[in-house]
């Protein structure tokens, strides 16, 4: 049975919190239990260095996050669970991809543009305080994905751009060296995955310092929940569950029936103090068994280290080392005694039709969502902006499968320069999609 490869990672720059669990750990572990899925979970300690240059923090965070995944039910015997830095082929591949990555594309990366915008607001040089690590972050992320030919990468909508960049780098490498060396990954978006509010009502995030540690002791958990910001409505006054931080947190861990009862109680005037008590009791009941496993793992770091090293060694032997051997040969880094394959045509000499067309969905800096169909460096069509990402995604799905009416399509794209090239590109994309689905 052919299994779909799904890859997930968490940056080791902080303590796991409830948002990490609901938004990444829990859904990833559930997904990994499927028989037709091969799961890759990694501790992104190289990525951590971009924003956390504190050795003790990086080491402690790596331990805590590894223990959290294991305590939450990840089975390292059925899935790949490894530390990014234990796979030396990843940074090597990063350099290979760096040599084909377009700087113009990297200039448009959201994190880099955000740093430029902040500097502009403060009247500083555009690149003030910007490290090459921040600038090259998308290339390292692409190497994480492409080295294992991951087919799906679960991400939030704000991370779609990174997956599209990984596709671009992989395709450029394939095109430059004349082979199908990389599988081009797809972003896996699950709108049902919870994005939890933090103590102040904003998205729970380490950068906002509003998190609730996943395995905080019961007394600390109770105290943190008691500090969640609420309004001044008194007991007996109706409270709207919609947009309510307590209700959103409760619903992320409750059954549908429990959530409905909690919403009914809030509308009926449940006091904030009682609501927080119910939230604490629900969370503590679910977390307590995992907390016990977590504490035991934290107390035995040698056990975690052994698991990570074993997985990394097997993963290298199974995938990473053979992959890099193939890529080294492809780019000409090989023994001088090796028989060279016939030289491939240069990129400039190849006809655009030799390059598979791809359709990309992405988000613009103005917040709108667009899609485009490209073949090599040629843009065959470019959409107008959509306010809703699902609208753009629906068009992308139709284009990939060939089930698109070109007349209707023209109503949502910018003027098309070469309709014959567009028709050929749509046909080639649909054929490639059908072949990929058949395999």
Protein backbone atom coordinates (compact mmCIF):
# COMPACT_ATOMS: atom_id res chain seq x y z
CA UNK A 1 0.00 0.00 0.00
CA UNK A 2 1.32 3.43 -0.98
CA UNK A 3 1.38 5.75 2.01
CA UNK A 4 1.11 9.53 1.98
CA UNK A 5 4.04 11.27 3.64
CA UNK A 6 3.03 14.05 6.03
CA UNK A 7 5.62 16.23 7.79
CA UNK A 8 5.19 18.41 10.87
CA UNK A 9 7.66 20.32 13.04
CA UNK A 10 7.71 22.63 16.06
CA UNK A 11 10.42 25.23 16.64
CA UNK A 12 12.30 24.60 19.87
CA UNK A 13 12.23 28.12 21.24
CA UNK A 14 9.79 27.89 24.13
CA UNK A 15 7.67 25.77 26.44
CA UNK A 16 4.76 23.83 24.82
CA UNK A 17 1.43 25.49 25.53
CA UNK A 18 -2.25 24.66 25.06
CA UNK A 19 -2.25 26.33 21.65
CA UNK A 20 0.57 24.07 20.42
CA UNK A 21 -1.36 21.04 21.62
CA UNK A 22 -4.74 21.93 20.09
CA UNK A 23 -3.33 23.42 16.90
CA UNK A 24 -0.46 21.07 16.06
CA UNK A 25 0.34 18.20 18.42
CA UNK A 26 -3.12 16.66 18.84
CA UNK A 27 -4.22 16.79 15.17
CA UNK A 28 -0.81 15.61 13.94
CA UNK A 29 -0.77 12.59 16.24
CA UNK A 30 -4.33 11.67 15.26
CA UNK A 31 -3.45 11.97 11.58
CA UNK A 32 -0.38 9.79 12.08
CA UNK A 33 -2.47 6.87 13.29
CA UNK A 34 -3.91 6.25 9.81
CA UNK A 35 -2.56 3.15 8.08
CA UNK A 36 -2.12 4.96 4.77
CA UNK A 37 0.02 7.76 6.26
CA UNK A 38 3.78 7.88 6.90
CA UNK A 39 4.35 10.62 9.44
CA UNK A 40 7.48 12.71 10.03
CA UNK A 41 7.63 14.79 13.22
CA UNK A 42 10.72 16.86 13.92
CA UNK A 43 12.13 19.24 16.51
CA UNK A 44 13.18 22.31 14.52
CA UNK A 45 16.21 23.32 16.58
CA UNK A 46 18.02 24.94 13.62
CA UNK A 47 15.00 27.16 13.05
CA UNK A 48 15.06 28.11 16.73
CA UNK A 49 18.45 29.77 16.30
CA UNK A 50 16.88 32.48 14.15
CA UNK A 51 15.03 33.96 17.12
CA UNK A 52 16.42 32.28 20.25
CA UNK A 53 20.16 32.68 20.68
CA UNK A 54 20.12 31.33 24.21
CA UNK A 55 21.79 27.88 24.38
CA UNK A 56 20.11 26.87 27.64
CA UNK A 57 16.67 27.86 26.27
CA UNK A 58 17.12 25.90 23.04
CA UNK A 59 18.27 22.77 24.88
CA UNK A 60 15.52 22.97 27.50
CA UNK A 61 12.86 23.68 24.89
CA UNK A 62 14.01 20.70 22.82
CA UNK A 63 13.64 18.45 25.87
CA UNK A 64 10.24 19.86 26.80
CA UNK A 65 8.78 19.66 23.30
CA UNK A 66 10.09 16.12 22.74
CA UNK A 67 8.64 15.03 26.07
CA UNK A 68 5.34 16.74 25.22
CA UNK A 69 4.89 14.90 21.91
CA UNK A 70 5.71 11.57 23.52
CA UNK A 71 3.47 12.23 26.53
CA UNK A 72 0.59 13.19 24.23
CA UNK A 73 0.68 9.81 22.52
CA UNK A 74 3.21 9.93 19.70
CA UNK A 75 4.56 6.43 19.04
CA UNK A 76 8.17 6.65 17.80
CA UNK A 77 7.99 3.01 16.66
CA UNK A 78 5.24 3.78 14.11
CA UNK A 79 6.33 7.26 13.05
CA UNK A 80 9.53 9.16 12.38
CA UNK A 81 10.39 11.38 15.37
CA UNK A 82 13.71 13.17 15.13
CA UNK A 83 15.71 16.29 15.85
CA UNK A 84 16.47 18.45 12.83
CA UNK A 85 20.13 18.87 13.79
CA UNK A 86 20.64 15.09 13.86
CA UNK A 87 20.11 14.95 10.08
CA UNK A 88 23.26 16.58 8.60
CA UNK A 89 21.88 16.07 5.10
CA UNK A 90 19.30 18.82 5.77
CA UNK A 91 21.79 21.74 5.92
CA UNK A 92 23.64 20.27 2.95
CA UNK A 93 20.43 20.22 0.94
CA UNK A 94 19.72 23.77 2.14
CA UNK A 95 22.85 24.91 0.31
CA UNK A 96 21.91 23.03 -2.85
CA UNK A 97 18.51 24.75 -2.82
CA UNK A 98 20.07 28.12 -1.99
CA UNK A 99 21.94 27.90 -5.28
CA UNK A 100 18.70 27.67 -7.28
CA UNK A 101 16.43 29.81 -5.09
CA UNK A 102 15.51 33.18 -6.56
CA UNK A 103 16.45 36.12 -4.35
CA UNK A 104 13.44 38.02 -5.64
CA UNK A 105 11.17 35.33 -4.24
CA UNK A 106 12.96 35.40 -0.88
CA UNK A 107 12.56 39.18 -0.81
CA UNK A 108 8.81 38.63 -0.74
CA UNK A 109 8.81 36.23 2.22
CA UNK A 110 6.35 37.45 4.86
CA UNK A 111 8.77 37.43 7.82
CA UNK A 112 11.45 39.32 5.90
CA UNK A 113 8.97 41.87 4.54
CA UNK A 114 7.53 42.37 8.02
CA UNK A 115 11.01 43.11 9.37
CA UNK A 116 11.59 45.60 6.53
CA UNK A 117 8.24 47.27 7.22
CA UNK A 118 9.02 47.63 10.94
CA UNK A 119 12.36 49.20 10.12
CA UNK A 120 10.71 51.61 7.67
CA UNK A 121 8.21 52.69 10.35
CA UNK A 122 11.09 53.41 12.73
CA UNK A 123 13.12 55.24 10.11
CA UNK A 124 15.89 52.61 10.02
CA UNK A 125 17.72 50.93 7.18
CA UNK A 126 15.48 48.28 5.59
CA UNK A 127 17.76 45.44 6.71
CA UNK A 128 18.63 46.75 10.18
CA UNK A 129 18.75 43.81 12.59
CA UNK A 130 17.85 41.31 9.87
CA UNK A 131 20.07 38.24 9.86
CA UNK A 132 20.81 36.05 6.88
CA UNK A 133 19.15 33.29 8.93
CA UNK A 134 15.82 35.13 8.89
CA UNK A 135 16.19 35.83 5.17
CA UNK A 136 17.07 32.21 4.34
CA UNK A 137 14.49 30.64 6.66
CA UNK A 138 12.23 29.56 3.75
CA UNK A 139 15.11 27.65 2.12
CA UNK A 140 15.85 25.68 5.29
CA UNK A 141 12.15 24.92 5.64
CA UNK A 142 12.08 23.74 2.03
CA UNK A 143 15.00 21.40 2.74
CA UNK A 144 13.14 19.97 5.76
CA UNK A 145 10.26 19.08 3.46
CA UNK A 146 11.94 18.11 0.20
CA UNK A 147 14.60 15.82 1.66
CA UNK A 148 11.91 13.30 2.61
CA UNK A 149 9.65 13.96 -0.38
CA UNK A 150 6.84 14.97 1.96
CA UNK A 151 3.58 15.21 0.05
CA UNK A 152 1.57 17.13 2.61
CA UNK A 153 2.58 19.69 5.22
CA UNK A 154 -0.08 20.77 7.76
CA UNK A 155 0.21 24.54 8.17
CA UNK A 156 -1.86 27.55 9.07
CA UNK A 157 -2.92 29.88 6.29
CA UNK A 158 -0.11 32.28 7.21
CA UNK A 159 2.39 29.52 6.35
CA UNK A 160 1.05 28.64 2.89
CA UNK A 161 3.66 30.90 1.31
CA UNK A 162 6.48 28.76 2.70
CA UNK A 163 5.04 25.62 1.12
CA UNK A 164 4.66 27.38 -2.21
CA UNK A 165 8.29 28.50 -1.96
CA UNK A 166 9.37 24.93 -1.23
CA UNK A 167 7.51 23.86 -4.37
CA UNK A 168 9.23 26.59 -6.33
CA UNK A 169 12.73 25.65 -5.13
CA UNK A 170 12.07 21.96 -5.78
CA UNK A 171 10.77 22.63 -9.26
CA UNK A 172 13.70 24.92 -10.07
CA UNK A 173 16.14 22.21 -8.99
CA UNK A 174 14.29 19.59 -11.03
CA UNK A 175 14.31 21.87 -14.05
CA UNK A 176 17.92 22.99 -13.68
CA UNK A 177 19.27 19.45 -13.41
CA UNK A 178 16.81 17.79 -15.76
CA UNK A 179 15.17 15.21 -13.50
CA UNK A 180 12.31 14.53 -11.09
CA UNK A 181 14.45 14.70 -7.97
CA UNK A 182 11.83 16.12 -5.63
CA UNK A 183 8.15 15.55 -4.97
CA UNK A 184 6.44 18.94 -4.83
CA UNK A 185 4.56 19.23 -1.53
CA UNK A 186 1.04 20.47 -0.89
CA UNK A 187 -0.06 22.61 2.03
CA UNK A 188 -2.64 20.82 4.16
CA UNK A 189 -5.06 23.32 5.65
CA UNK A 190 -7.55 22.19 8.27
CA UNK A 191 -9.89 25.04 9.16
CA UNK A 192 -11.36 22.92 11.96
CA UNK A 193 -8.06 22.95 13.87
CA UNK A 194 -8.37 25.23 16.86
CA UNK A 195 -6.48 28.52 17.13
CA UNK A 196 -6.73 29.21 20.83
CA UNK A 197 -6.94 32.59 22.53
CA UNK A 198 -4.40 33.37 25.23
CA UNK A 199 -4.73 34.98 28.64
CA UNK A 200 -5.38 38.41 27.11
CA UNK A 201 -7.82 37.24 24.42
CA UNK A 202 -5.33 37.50 21.55
CA UNK A 203 -4.03 34.41 19.77
CA UNK A 204 -2.06 32.27 22.23
CA UNK A 205 1.55 32.89 21.27
CA UNK A 206 4.97 32.97 22.91
CA UNK A 207 5.59 36.33 21.26
CA UNK A 208 2.57 37.82 23.11
CA UNK A 209 3.59 36.18 26.40
CA UNK A 210 -0.01 35.14 26.94
CA UNK A 211 0.36 31.36 26.90
CA UNK A 212 -0.87 28.65 29.24
CA UNK A 213 1.86 25.98 29.54
CA UNK A 214 0.50 22.61 28.46
CA UNK A 215 1.79 20.76 31.51
CA UNK A 216 1.57 23.43 34.17
CA UNK A 217 0.92 21.88 37.62
CA UNK A 218 -2.72 21.91 38.67
CA UNK A 219 -2.33 24.83 41.07
CA UNK A 220 -0.57 26.94 38.43
CA UNK A 221 -3.12 25.98 35.78
CA UNK A 222 -5.98 27.08 38.07
CA UNK A 223 -4.24 30.39 38.77
CA UNK A 224 -3.57 31.09 35.08
CA UNK A 225 -7.16 30.35 34.08
CA UNK A 226 -8.39 32.63 36.86
CA UNK A 227 -6.35 35.41 35.25
CA UNK A 228 -7.94 35.16 31.78
CA UNK A 229 -9.29 38.58 30.81
CA UNK A 230 -13.09 38.86 30.81
CA UNK A 231 -15.54 41.75 30.74
CA UNK A 232 -17.41 43.35 33.64
CA UNK A 233 -20.73 41.50 33.26
CA UNK A 234 -21.86 40.17 36.61
CA UNK A 235 -23.29 36.73 37.54
CA UNK A 236 -26.86 36.52 36.27
CA UNK A 237 -26.17 38.70 33.24
CA UNK A 238 -26.30 36.87 29.87
CA UNK A 239 -22.94 36.37 28.15
CA UNK A 240 -22.44 35.73 24.45
CA UNK A 241 -20.29 32.60 23.82
CA UNK A 242 -19.31 33.83 20.35
CA UNK A 243 -15.83 35.34 20.42
CA UNK A 244 -15.54 34.55 24.10
CA UNK A 245 -12.03 33.37 25.07
CA UNK A 246 -13.27 31.08 27.84
CA UNK A 247 -15.78 29.43 25.54
CA UNK A 248 -13.20 28.96 22.75
CA UNK A 249 -10.76 27.32 25.16
CA UNK A 250 -13.48 25.13 26.63
CA UNK A 251 -14.75 24.03 23.21
CA UNK A 252 -11.25 23.01 22.07
CA UNK A 253 -11.21 20.30 24.74
CA UNK A 254 -14.90 19.48 25.23
CA UNK A 255 -17.37 17.24 23.44
CA UNK A 256 -20.09 18.86 21.36
CA UNK A 257 -22.60 18.17 24.14
CA UNK A 258 -20.35 19.73 26.79
CA UNK A 259 -19.77 22.80 24.62
CA UNK A 260 -23.49 23.23 24.03
CA UNK A 261 -24.18 23.01 27.77
CA UNK A 262 -21.43 25.52 28.56
CA UNK A 263 -22.77 27.95 25.94
CA UNK A 264 -26.28 27.58 27.38
CA UNK A 265 -24.99 28.30 30.87
CA UNK A 266 -23.16 31.44 29.70
CA UNK A 267 -26.29 32.75 27.99
CA UNK A 268 -28.18 31.99 31.18
CA UNK A 269 -25.89 34.19 33.26
CA UNK A 270 -23.13 31.85 34.47
CA UNK A 271 -20.61 33.95 36.39
CA UNK A 272 -17.08 34.32 35.08
CA UNK A 273 -15.62 32.77 38.22
CA UNK A 274 -17.77 29.65 37.87
CA UNK A 275 -17.04 29.51 34.14
CA UNK A 276 -13.30 29.57 34.83
CA UNK A 277 -13.70 26.82 37.42
CA UNK A 278 -15.49 24.62 34.87
CA UNK A 279 -12.76 25.31 32.31
CA UNK A 280 -10.04 24.39 34.81
CA UNK A 281 -11.78 21.15 35.79
CA UNK A 282 -12.20 20.12 32.14
CA UNK A 283 -8.58 20.87 31.24
CA UNK A 284 -7.05 19.36 34.35
CA UNK A 285 -9.04 16.13 33.92
CA UNK A 286 -7.73 15.68 30.36
CA UNK A 287 -4.19 16.87 30.93
CA UNK A 288 -3.46 15.10 34.23
CA UNK A 289 -2.64 11.65 32.72
CA UNK A 290 -0.43 13.24 30.05
CA UNK A 291 1.20 15.47 32.67
CA UNK A 292 2.19 12.38 34.67
CA UNK A 293 3.86 10.83 31.60
CA UNK A 294 5.48 14.16 30.75
CA UNK A 295 7.00 14.57 34.21
CA UNK A 296 8.46 11.05 34.03
CA UNK A 297 10.01 11.76 30.62
CA UNK A 298 11.45 15.11 31.70
CA UNK A 299 13.11 13.32 34.59
CA UNK A 300 14.79 10.87 32.19
CA UNK A 301 16.29 12.89 29.30
CA UNK A 302 18.54 9.95 28.35
CA UNK A 303 15.45 7.99 27.32
CA UNK A 304 14.33 10.80 25.00
CA UNK A 305 17.84 11.23 23.61
CA UNK A 306 18.01 7.53 22.75
CA UNK A 307 14.65 7.70 20.95
CA UNK A 308 15.69 10.73 18.90
CA UNK A 309 19.08 9.34 17.92
CA UNK A 310 17.64 5.95 16.97
CA UNK A 311 15.00 7.53 14.76
CA UNK A 312 17.51 9.91 13.18
CA UNK A 313 19.96 7.13 12.35
CA UNK A 314 17.28 4.93 10.78
CA UNK A 315 15.80 7.89 8.92
CA UNK A 316 19.19 8.86 7.51
CA UNK A 317 19.91 5.34 6.34
CA UNK A 318 16.44 4.90 4.85
CA UNK A 319 15.93 8.26 3.16
CA UNK A 320 18.39 11.10 3.76
CA UNK A 321 21.72 9.51 2.82
CA UNK A 322 20.43 7.87 -0.40
CA UNK A 323 18.67 11.13 -1.32
CA UNK A 324 21.80 13.23 -0.94
CA UNK A 325 23.86 10.64 -2.79
CA UNK A 326 21.48 11.02 -5.74
CA UNK A 327 21.47 14.82 -5.55
CA UNK A 328 25.25 15.07 -5.26
CA UNK A 329 25.63 13.00 -8.39
CA UNK A 330 23.02 15.10 -10.18
CA UNK A 331 24.86 18.37 -9.54
CA UNK A 332 28.32 16.97 -10.30
CA UNK A 333 29.69 16.55 -6.78
CA UNK A 334 30.89 12.98 -7.28
CA UNK A 335 34.12 10.96 -7.48
CA UNK A 336 36.37 12.01 -10.34
CA UNK A 337 36.51 8.38 -11.38
CA UNK A 338 32.74 8.17 -11.80
CA UNK A 339 31.42 7.91 -15.34
CA UNK A 340 29.63 11.16 -16.04
CA UNK A 341 26.16 10.99 -17.52
CA UNK A 342 25.62 12.84 -20.79
CA UNK A 343 25.37 16.55 -20.14
CA UNK A 344 21.81 17.78 -19.92
CA UNK A 345 20.71 20.84 -21.81
CA UNK A 346 21.02 24.10 -19.95
CA UNK A 347 17.99 25.79 -18.47
CA UNK A 348 18.04 28.40 -21.23
CA UNK A 349 18.10 25.72 -23.92
CA UNK A 350 15.06 23.80 -22.65
CA UNK A 351 11.67 24.51 -24.09
CA UNK A 352 9.09 25.74 -21.57
CA UNK A 353 6.91 22.73 -22.41
CA UNK A 354 9.50 20.44 -20.77
CA UNK A 355 8.68 22.02 -17.40
CA UNK A 356 5.52 20.86 -15.67
CA UNK A 357 3.05 23.69 -15.05
CA UNK A 358 2.07 24.35 -11.45
CA UNK A 359 -0.74 26.33 -9.85
CA UNK A 360 -0.04 28.27 -6.66
CA UNK A 361 -2.28 29.90 -4.10
CA UNK A 362 -0.80 32.63 -1.95
CA UNK A 363 -1.59 35.66 0.15
CA UNK A 364 -0.64 39.19 -0.84
CA UNK A 365 0.65 41.81 1.60
CA UNK A 366 -2.71 43.61 1.38
CA UNK A 367 -4.42 40.53 2.84
CA UNK A 368 -6.06 39.36 -0.38
CA UNK A 369 -5.74 35.79 -1.67
CA UNK A 370 -4.66 35.02 -5.24
CA UNK A 371 -3.63 32.13 -7.42
CA UNK A 372 -1.47 31.86 -10.50
CA UNK A 373 -0.55 29.22 -13.06
CA UNK A 374 3.11 29.14 -14.03
CA UNK A 375 5.28 27.06 -16.34
CA UNK A 376 8.93 27.55 -15.59
CA UNK A 377 9.43 31.31 -15.37
CA UNK A 378 6.33 32.03 -17.48
CA UNK A 379 3.13 33.17 -15.76
CA UNK A 380 0.24 31.74 -17.77
CA UNK A 381 -2.47 33.35 -15.68
CA UNK A 382 -2.76 35.52 -12.57
CA UNK A 383 -5.97 35.86 -10.58
CA UNK A 384 -7.58 38.91 -9.13
CA UNK A 385 -7.56 39.20 -5.34
CA UNK A 386 -10.12 37.32 -3.23
CA UNK A 387 -11.14 38.31 0.28
CA UNK A 388 -11.84 34.68 1.18
CA UNK A 389 -9.05 32.08 0.80
CA UNK A 390 -11.64 29.34 0.15
CA UNK A 391 -12.72 31.08 -3.06
CA UNK A 392 -9.17 31.08 -4.39
CA UNK A 393 -8.72 27.48 -3.19
CA UNK A 394 -11.85 26.34 -5.04
CA UNK A 395 -10.48 27.69 -8.31
CA UNK A 396 -7.10 26.03 -7.66
CA UNK A 397 -8.82 22.67 -7.12
CA UNK A 398 -10.75 23.02 -10.39
CA UNK A 399 -7.64 24.00 -12.33
CA UNK A 400 -5.61 21.07 -10.99
CA UNK A 401 -8.20 18.50 -11.95
CA UNK A 402 -9.00 20.04 -15.33
CA UNK A 403 -12.64 20.60 -14.30
CA UNK A 404 -12.51 24.31 -15.06
CA UNK A 405 -14.48 26.36 -17.56
CA UNK A 406 -12.00 28.72 -19.22
CA UNK A 407 -14.72 31.28 -20.00
CA UNK A 408 -15.67 31.41 -16.31
CA UNK A 409 -12.01 31.43 -15.31
CA UNK A 410 -11.34 34.52 -17.41
CA UNK A 411 -13.82 36.45 -15.27
CA UNK A 412 -11.57 36.10 -12.20
CA UNK A 413 -8.12 36.51 -13.73
CA UNK A 414 -6.15 39.36 -15.19
CA UNK A 415 -6.10 39.63 -19.02
CA UNK A 416 -4.52 36.52 -20.57
CA UNK A 417 -1.71 37.22 -23.05
CA UNK A 418 -1.45 33.80 -24.69
CA UNK A 419 -4.64 31.74 -24.62
CA UNK A 420 -3.12 28.81 -26.56
CA UNK A 421 -0.30 28.52 -24.01
CA UNK A 422 -2.87 28.68 -21.23
CA UNK A 423 -4.94 25.88 -22.75
CA UNK A 424 -1.83 23.70 -23.17
CA UNK A 425 -0.75 24.46 -19.61
CA UNK A 426 -4.16 23.59 -18.17
CA UNK A 427 -4.21 20.30 -20.08
CA UNK A 428 -0.68 19.38 -18.98
CA UNK A 429 -1.46 20.23 -15.36
CA UNK A 430 -4.63 18.13 -15.38
CA UNK A 431 -2.75 15.19 -16.91
CA UNK A 432 0.01 15.46 -14.30
CA UNK A 433 -2.57 15.65 -11.51
CA UNK A 434 -4.40 12.57 -12.80
CA UNK A 435 -1.11 10.64 -13.00
CA UNK A 436 -0.17 11.65 -9.46
CA UNK A 437 -3.59 10.58 -8.13
CA UNK A 438 -3.29 7.22 -9.90
CA UNK A 439 -0.05 6.53 -8.06
